[in-house]
Every structure is written in C-alpha cells, then in structure tokens.
Amino acid sequence: MGKVILKGFIVVPEEELNLVSKALEKHVELAKQESGCLVFNVYQRSHSPCYFDVYEEFSSNY
C-alpha cells in the first residue's frame, strides 16, 4: 500500500485564534472520516500558540 504524507504548519492571526481553533476541531474530525485517511493530526505549539503543526497520511490507493 502506498501512501501520501503531508507535513506543514499554519499560522493563525491572534485575533482569529479562538475561531480557527474551534473550526480545526471539526475539520480534523471530518478529515479522519475521508476515504483513505490513515492519520490526520493538528497540534498547537505551546510556545507559539498561533502556530499549528499539521501531519497527514493518506493511502494513495484511492
């Protein structure tokens, strides 16, 4: 089984942090339900709360 791995980060403006944090919860939930999704994680950096690290793995067989 092949897979596609994506790693990156997003930077959220401080004034939108609460809104984006709540939206990310739902986004992660929906992404994990997608066909071929193996891993989908978003972590907020403790030392820089406006930065979120993103890690995704999807099966390339879809």
PDB file of N, CA and C in Angstrom:
ATOM      1  N   MET A   1       0.844  -1.179   0.000  1.00  0.00           N
ATOM      2  CA  MET A   1       0.000   0.000   0.000  1.00  0.00           C
ATOM      3  C   MET A   1       0.886   1.238   0.000  1.00  0.00           C
ATOM      4  N   GLY A   2       0.700   2.098  -0.973  1.00  0.00           N
ATOM      5  CA  GLY A   2       1.410   3.360  -0.990  1.00  0.00           C
ATOM      6  C   GLY A   2       0.654   4.397  -0.185  1.00  0.00           C
ATOM      7  N   LYS A   3       1.378   5.421   0.230  1.00  0.00           N
ATOM      8  CA  LYS A   3       0.687   6.481   0.949  1.00  0.00           C
ATOM      9  C   LYS A   3       1.328   7.829   0.654  1.00  0.00           C
ATOM     10  N   VAL A   4       0.540   8.836   0.851  1.00  0.00           N
ATOM     11  CA  VAL A   4       0.970  10.209   0.678  1.00  0.00           C
ATOM     12  C   VAL A   4       1.070  10.814   2.070  1.00  0.00           C
ATOM     13  N   ILE A   5       2.205  11.440   2.371  1.00  0.00           N
ATOM     14  CA  ILE A   5       2.418  12.069   3.669  1.00  0.00           C
ATOM     15  C   ILE A   5       2.604  13.564   3.455  1.00  0.00           C
ATOM     16  N   LEU A   6       1.857  14.335   4.191  1.00  0.00           N
ATOM     17  CA  LEU A   6       1.955  15.791   4.133  1.00  0.00           C
ATOM     18  C   LEU A   6       2.277  16.314   5.525  1.00  0.00           C
ATOM     19  N   LYS A   7       3.285  17.176   5.605  1.00  0.00           N
ATOM     20  CA  LYS A   7       3.642  17.807   6.872  1.00  0.00           C
ATOM     21  C   LYS A   7       3.784  19.298   6.624  1.00  0.00           C
ATOM     22  N   GLY A   8       3.323  20.076   7.563  1.00  0.00           N
ATOM     23  CA  GLY A   8       3.449  21.513   7.413  1.00  0.00           C
ATOM     24  C   GLY A   8       2.939  22.221   8.654  1.00  0.00           C
ATOM     25  N   PHE A   9       2.682  23.497   8.501  1.00  0.00           N
ATOM     26  CA  PHE A   9       2.139  24.270   9.609  1.00  0.00           C
ATOM     27  C   PHE A   9       1.268  25.385   9.064  1.00  0.00           C
ATOM     28  N   ILE A  10       0.409  25.887   9.932  1.00  0.00           N
ATOM     29  CA  ILE A  10      -0.378  27.060   9.595  1.00  0.00           C
ATOM     30  C   ILE A  10      -0.141  28.101  10.677  1.00  0.00           C
ATOM     31  N   VAL A  11      -0.204  29.350  10.288  1.00  0.00           N
ATOM     32  CA  VAL A  11      -0.065  30.468  11.218  1.00  0.00           C
ATOM     33  C   VAL A  11      -1.394  31.210  11.225  1.00  0.00           C
ATOM     34  N   VAL A  12      -1.944  31.379  12.400  1.00  0.00           N
ATOM     35  CA  VAL A  12      -3.256  31.996  12.564  1.00  0.00           C
ATOM     36  C   VAL A  12      -3.079  33.368  13.226  1.00  0.00           C
ATOM     37  N   PRO A  13      -3.694  34.397  12.670  1.00  0.00           N
ATOM     38  CA  PRO A  13      -3.639  35.701  13.338  1.00  0.00           C
ATOM     39  C   PRO A  13      -4.231  35.602  14.748  1.00  0.00           C
ATOM     40  N   GLU A  14      -3.610  36.258  15.685  1.00  0.00           N
ATOM     41  CA  GLU A  14      -4.028  36.154  17.091  1.00  0.00           C
ATOM     42  C   GLU A  14      -5.510  36.484  17.280  1.00  0.00           C
ATOM     43  N   GLU A  15      -6.013  37.461  16.535  1.00  0.00           N
ATOM     44  CA  GLU A  15      -7.415  37.864  16.705  1.00  0.00           C
ATOM     45  C   GLU A  15      -8.396  36.805  16.186  1.00  0.00           C
ATOM     46  N   GLU A  16      -7.919  35.836  15.426  1.00  0.00           N
ATOM     47  CA  GLU A  16      -8.773  34.768  14.899  1.00  0.00           C
ATOM     48  C   GLU A  16      -8.502  33.409  15.551  1.00  0.00           C
ATOM     49  N   LEU A  17      -7.653  33.399  16.552  1.00  0.00           N
ATOM     50  CA  LEU A  17      -7.206  32.151  17.166  1.00  0.00           C
ATOM     51  C   LEU A  17      -8.351  31.311  17.729  1.00  0.00           C
ATOM     52  N   ASN A  18      -9.267  31.913  18.458  1.00  0.00           N
ATOM     53  CA  ASN A  18     -10.380  31.143  19.033  1.00  0.00           C
ATOM     54  C   ASN A  18     -11.275  30.556  17.948  1.00  0.00           C
ATOM     55  N   LEU A  19     -11.606  31.360  16.958  1.00  0.00           N
ATOM     56  CA  LEU A  19     -12.465  30.904  15.860  1.00  0.00           C
ATOM     57  C   LEU A  19     -11.814  29.750  15.093  1.00  0.00           C
ATOM     58  N   VAL A  20     -10.551  29.904  14.749  1.00  0.00           N
ATOM     59  CA  VAL A  20      -9.848  28.872  13.972  1.00  0.00           C
ATOM     60  C   VAL A  20      -9.651  27.609  14.803  1.00  0.00           C
ATOM     61  N   SER A  21      -9.341  27.748  16.073  1.00  0.00           N
ATOM     62  CA  SER A  21      -9.159  26.576  16.940  1.00  0.00           C
ATOM     63  C   SER A  21     -10.415  25.717  16.976  1.00  0.00           C
ATOM     64  N   LYS A  22     -11.558  26.352  17.113  1.00  0.00           N
ATOM     65  CA  LYS A  22     -12.826  25.604  17.126  1.00  0.00           C
ATOM     66  C   LYS A  22     -13.103  24.965  15.776  1.00  0.00           C
ATOM     67  N   ALA A  23     -12.841  25.690  14.698  1.00  0.00           N
ATOM     68  CA  ALA A  23     -13.069  25.157  13.354  1.00  0.00           C
ATOM     69  C   ALA A  23     -12.131  23.987  13.060  1.00  0.00           C
ATOM     70  N   LEU A  24     -10.912  24.043  13.564  1.00  0.00           N
ATOM     71  CA  LEU A  24      -9.961  22.954  13.335  1.00  0.00           C
ATOM     72  C   LEU A  24     -10.426  21.645  13.968  1.00  0.00           C
ATOM     73  N   GLU A  25     -11.072  21.730  15.112  1.00  0.00           N
ATOM     74  CA  GLU A  25     -11.595  20.517  15.757  1.00  0.00           C
ATOM     75  C   GLU A  25     -12.529  19.773  14.797  1.00  0.00           C
ATOM     76  N   LYS A  26     -13.449  20.494  14.196  1.00  0.00           N
ATOM     77  CA  LYS A  26     -14.399  19.885  13.258  1.00  0.00           C
ATOM     78  C   LYS A  26     -13.687  19.431  11.990  1.00  0.00           C
ATOM     79  N   HIS A  27     -12.749  20.225  11.499  1.00  0.00           N
ATOM     80  CA  HIS A  27     -12.008  19.876  10.288  1.00  0.00           C
ATOM     81  C   HIS A  27     -11.244  18.564  10.470  1.00  0.00           C
ATOM     82  N   VAL A  28     -10.580  18.396  11.599  1.00  0.00           N
ATOM     83  CA  VAL A  28      -9.833  17.163  11.873  1.00  0.00           C
ATOM     84  C   VAL A  28     -10.797  15.978  11.934  1.00  0.00           C
ATOM     85  N   GLU A  29     -11.917  16.163  12.613  1.00  0.00           N
ATOM     86  CA  GLU A  29     -12.922  15.096  12.712  1.00  0.00           C
ATOM     87  C   GLU A  29     -13.389  14.657  11.323  1.00  0.00           C
ATOM     88  N   LEU A  30     -13.698  15.614  10.453  1.00  0.00           N
ATOM     89  CA  LEU A  30     -14.172  15.291   9.108  1.00  0.00           C
ATOM     90  C   LEU A  30     -13.071  14.677   8.250  1.00  0.00           C
ATOM     91  N   ALA A  31     -11.862  15.181   8.371  1.00  0.00           N
ATOM     92  CA  ALA A  31     -10.743  14.651   7.575  1.00  0.00           C
ATOM     93  C   ALA A  31     -10.479  13.192   7.913  1.00  0.00           C
ATOM     94  N   LYS A  32     -10.591  12.847   9.190  1.00  0.00           N
ATOM     95  CA  LYS A  32     -10.347  11.459   9.599  1.00  0.00           C
ATOM     96  C   LYS A  32     -11.401  10.500   9.053  1.00  0.00           C
ATOM     97  N   GLN A  33     -12.529  11.030   8.628  1.00  0.00           N
ATOM     98  CA  GLN A  33     -13.595  10.203   8.058  1.00  0.00           C
ATOM     99  C   GLN A  33     -13.449  10.026   6.548  1.00  0.00           C
ATOM    100  N   GLU A  34     -12.529  10.761   5.934  1.00  0.00           N
ATOM    101  CA  GLU A  34     -12.347  10.677   4.481  1.00  0.00           C
ATOM    102  C   GLU A  34     -11.775   9.327   4.083  1.00  0.00           C
ATOM    103  N   SER A  35     -12.189   8.859   2.922  1.00  0.00           N
ATOM    104  CA  SER A  35     -11.671   7.611   2.374  1.00  0.00           C
ATOM    105  C   SER A  35     -10.157   7.708   2.216  1.00  0.00           C
ATOM    106  N   GLY A  36      -9.454   6.738   2.710  1.00  0.00           N
ATOM    107  CA  GLY A  36      -8.009   6.701   2.553  1.00  0.00           C
ATOM    108  C   GLY A  36      -7.236   7.421   3.633  1.00  0.00           C
ATOM    109  N   CYS A  37      -7.913   8.103   4.542  1.00  0.00           N
ATOM    110  CA  CYS A  37      -7.212   8.814   5.614  1.00  0.00           C
ATOM    111  C   CYS A  37      -6.663   7.807   6.617  1.00  0.00           C
ATOM    112  N   LEU A  38      -5.360   7.857   6.814  1.00  0.00           N
ATOM    113  CA  LEU A  38      -4.714   6.988   7.787  1.00  0.00           C
ATOM    114  C   LEU A  38      -4.391   7.737   9.072  1.00  0.00           C
ATOM    115  N   VAL A  39      -3.929   8.966   8.940  1.00  0.00           N
ATOM    116  CA  VAL A  39      -3.574   9.813  10.081  1.00  0.00           C
ATOM    117  C   VAL A  39      -3.870  11.257   9.701  1.00  0.00           C
ATOM    118  N   PHE A  40      -4.439  12.001  10.612  1.00  0.00           N
ATOM    119  CA  PHE A  40      -4.637  13.437  10.410  1.00  0.00           C
ATOM    120  C   PHE A  40      -4.561  14.094  11.777  1.00  0.00           C
ATOM    121  N   ASN A  41      -3.471  14.800  12.046  1.00  0.00           N
ATOM    122  CA  ASN A  41      -3.264  15.430  13.343  1.00  0.00           C
ATOM    123  C   ASN A  41      -2.897  16.894  13.172  1.00  0.00           C
ATOM    124  N   VAL A  42      -3.419  17.698  14.069  1.00  0.00           N
ATOM    125  CA  VAL A  42      -3.060  19.113  14.142  1.00  0.00           C
ATOM    126  C   VAL A  42      -2.707  19.403  15.602  1.00  0.00           C
ATOM    127  N   TYR A  43      -1.511  19.944  15.810  1.00  0.00           N
ATOM    128  CA  TYR A  43      -1.041  20.257  17.157  1.00  0.00           C
ATOM    129  C   TYR A  43      -0.722  21.735  17.270  1.00  0.00           C
ATOM    130  N   GLN A  44      -1.274  22.372  18.289  1.00  0.00           N
ATOM    131  CA  GLN A  44      -0.966  23.771  18.550  1.00  0.00           C
ATOM    132  C   GLN A  44       0.356  23.832  19.321  1.00  0.00           C
ATOM    133  N   ARG A  45       1.250  24.667  18.893  1.00  0.00           N
ATOM    134  CA  ARG A  45       2.541  24.806  19.571  1.00  0.00           C
ATOM    135  C   ARG A  45       2.350  25.509  20.912  1.00  0.00           C
ATOM    136  N   SER A  46       2.892  24.918  21.957  1.00  0.00           N
ATOM    137  CA  SER A  46       2.724  25.514  23.285  1.00  0.00           C
ATOM    138  C   SER A  46       3.502  26.821  23.425  1.00  0.00           C
ATOM    139  N   HIS A  47       4.648  26.921  22.792  1.00  0.00           N
ATOM    140  CA  HIS A  47       5.485  28.124  22.905  1.00  0.00           C
ATOM    141  C   HIS A  47       5.097  29.218  21.905  1.00  0.00           C
ATOM    142  N   SER A  48       4.286  28.868  20.901  1.00  0.00           N
ATOM    143  CA  SER A  48       3.802  29.823  19.900  1.00  0.00           C
ATOM    144  C   SER A  48       2.375  29.446  19.536  1.00  0.00           C
ATOM    145  N   PRO A  49       1.398  29.849  20.331  1.00  0.00           N
ATOM    146  CA  PRO A  49       0.026  29.369  20.148  1.00  0.00           C
ATOM    147  C   PRO A  49      -0.640  29.735  18.826  1.00  0.00           C
ATOM    148  N   CYS A  50      -0.069  30.636  18.065  1.00  0.00           N
ATOM    149  CA  CYS A  50      -0.639  30.971  16.760  1.00  0.00           C
ATOM    150  C   CYS A  50      -0.158  30.019  15.666  1.00  0.00           C
ATOM    151  N   TYR A  51       0.752  29.114  16.004  1.00  0.00           N
ATOM    152  CA  TYR A  51       1.280  28.131  15.053  1.00  0.00           C
ATOM    153  C   TYR A  51       0.670  26.761  15.339  1.00  0.00           C
ATOM    154  N   PHE A  52       0.238  26.105  14.270  1.00  0.00           N
ATOM    155  CA  PHE A  52      -0.316  24.759  14.369  1.00  0.00           C
ATOM    156  C   PHE A  52       0.456  23.861  13.406  1.00  0.00           C
ATOM    157  N   ASP A  53       1.011  22.777  13.918  1.00  0.00           N
ATOM    158  CA  ASP A  53       1.696  21.798  13.080  1.00  0.00           C
ATOM    159  C   ASP A  53       0.669  20.790  12.571  1.00  0.00           C
ATOM    160  N   VAL A  54       0.775  20.463  11.295  1.00  0.00           N
ATOM    161  CA  VAL A  54      -0.180  19.567  10.646  1.00  0.00           C
ATOM    162  C   VAL A  54       0.574  18.353  10.099  1.00  0.00           C
ATOM    163  N   TYR A  55       0.021  17.164  10.335  1.00  0.00           N
ATOM    164  CA  TYR A  55       0.600  15.923   9.815  1.00  0.00           C
ATOM    165  C   TYR A  55      -0.536  15.070   9.279  1.00  0.00           C
ATOM    166  N   GLU A  56      -0.404  14.656   8.017  1.00  0.00           N
ATOM    167  CA  GLU A  56      -1.446  13.861   7.369  1.00  0.00           C
ATOM    168  C   GLU A  56      -0.831  12.670   6.648  1.00  0.00           C
ATOM    169  N   GLU A  57      -1.514  11.546   6.695  1.00  0.00           N
ATOM    170  CA  GLU A  57      -1.157  10.374   5.892  1.00  0.00           C
ATOM    171  C   GLU A  57      -2.433   9.865   5.231  1.00  0.00           C
ATOM    172  N   PHE A  58      -2.354   9.681   3.919  1.00  0.00           N
ATOM    173  CA  PHE A  58      -3.476   9.139   3.166  1.00  0.00           C
ATOM    174  C   PHE A  58      -2.986   7.993   2.297  1.00  0.00           C
ATOM    175  N   SER A  59      -3.799   6.996   2.154  1.00  0.00           N
ATOM    176  CA  SER A  59      -3.494   5.905   1.241  1.00  0.00           C
ATOM    177  C   SER A  59      -3.522   6.436  -0.183  1.00  0.00           C
ATOM    178  N   SER A  60      -2.541   6.074  -0.969  1.00  0.00           N
ATOM    179  CA  SER A  60      -2.526   6.537  -2.368  1.00  0.00           C
ATOM    180  C   SER A  60      -3.286   5.582  -3.278  1.00  0.00           C
ATOM    181  N   ASN A  61      -3.971   4.615  -2.701  1.00  0.00           N
ATOM    182  CA  ASN A  61      -4.740   3.646  -3.483  1.00  0.00           C
ATOM    183  C   ASN A  61      -6.140   4.138  -3.801  1.00  0.00           C
ATOM    184  N   TYR A  62      -6.495   5.372  -3.443  1.00  0.00           N
ATOM    185  CA  TYR A  62      -7.841   5.889  -3.682  1.00  0.00           C
ATOM    186  C   TYR A  62      -7.823   6.881  -4.796  1.00  0.00           C
TER     187      TYR A  62
END
